[in-house]
């Protein structure tokens, strides 16, 4: 049985014990950075997107819901 999602590439950049706990990875180009790092945040009426600064791939797309009554 294979794990869910795309496999992560092998990397010698950081050993797992020192890697940031909250980091994002771009499956398209391999860019990796902490959540508060160099990712581009695009906001609009429908929500927001976190975009890779290297290849412009949307990493996260989150809708914004109206206030609940």
Protein backbone atom coordinates (compact mmCIF):
# COMPACT_ATOMS: atom_id res chain seq x y z
CA UNK A 1 0.00 0.00 0.00
CA UNK A 2 1.43 3.40 -0.96
CA UNK A 3 1.09 6.55 1.20
CA UNK A 4 -1.50 9.17 0.27
CA UNK A 5 -0.37 12.14 -1.77
CA UNK A 6 2.68 12.65 -3.97
CA UNK A 7 6.00 11.37 -2.65
CA UNK A 8 8.39 13.97 -1.28
CA UNK A 9 11.71 14.26 -3.10
CA UNK A 10 14.91 13.18 -1.40
CA UNK A 11 16.75 16.16 0.02
CA UNK A 12 20.05 16.60 1.84
CA UNK A 13 19.22 20.22 2.75
CA UNK A 14 18.08 19.59 6.32
CA UNK A 15 17.84 16.44 8.39
CA UNK A 16 14.28 15.74 9.64
CA UNK A 17 15.22 16.56 13.24
CA UNK A 18 16.03 20.20 12.35
CA UNK A 19 13.42 20.81 9.66
CA UNK A 20 10.78 23.44 10.40
CA UNK A 21 7.59 21.97 11.85
CA UNK A 22 5.35 24.30 9.84
CA UNK A 23 6.71 24.31 6.33
CA UNK A 24 5.20 24.11 2.86
CA UNK A 25 6.52 22.28 -0.16
CA UNK A 26 5.76 22.95 -3.82
CA UNK A 27 5.18 19.66 -5.62
CA UNK A 28 5.66 21.39 -8.99
CA UNK A 29 9.17 22.85 -8.60
CA UNK A 30 10.39 21.56 -5.22
CA UNK A 31 10.55 24.95 -3.46
CA UNK A 32 10.36 24.58 0.32
CA UNK A 33 9.99 27.26 2.97
CA UNK A 34 8.47 27.84 6.40
CA UNK A 35 4.80 28.82 6.50
CA UNK A 36 5.75 32.45 7.26
CA UNK A 37 8.60 32.38 4.73
CA UNK A 38 8.67 33.71 1.19
CA UNK A 39 5.31 32.34 -0.02
CA UNK A 40 3.07 34.83 -1.82
CA UNK A 41 -0.36 35.36 -0.25
CA UNK A 42 -3.13 36.49 -2.59
CA UNK A 43 -6.40 37.59 -1.00
CA UNK A 44 -9.74 38.15 -2.69
CA UNK A 45 -13.45 38.20 -1.93
CA UNK A 46 -13.71 34.42 -2.28
CA UNK A 47 -10.76 33.63 -0.01
CA UNK A 48 -7.02 33.47 -0.15
CA UNK A 49 -4.31 31.50 -1.94
CA UNK A 50 -0.72 30.75 -0.99
CA UNK A 51 1.39 30.78 -4.15
CA UNK A 52 4.91 29.48 -4.81
CA UNK A 53 7.34 32.39 -5.41
CA UNK A 54 9.40 30.26 -7.80
CA UNK A 55 6.81 28.86 -10.24
CA UNK A 56 3.48 30.55 -9.28
CA UNK A 57 1.78 27.23 -8.44
CA UNK A 58 -1.10 27.60 -5.97
CA UNK A 59 -0.08 25.62 -2.88
CA UNK A 60 -3.11 26.39 -0.67
CA UNK A 61 -6.53 27.74 -1.67
CA UNK A 62 -8.82 28.54 1.24
CA UNK A 63 -12.32 30.01 0.89
CA UNK A 64 -13.52 32.65 3.34
CA UNK A 65 -16.90 31.93 4.83
CA UNK A 66 -19.31 34.62 5.97
CA UNK A 67 -20.02 35.10 9.65
CA UNK A 68 -22.28 32.42 11.06
CA UNK A 69 -25.50 33.71 12.60
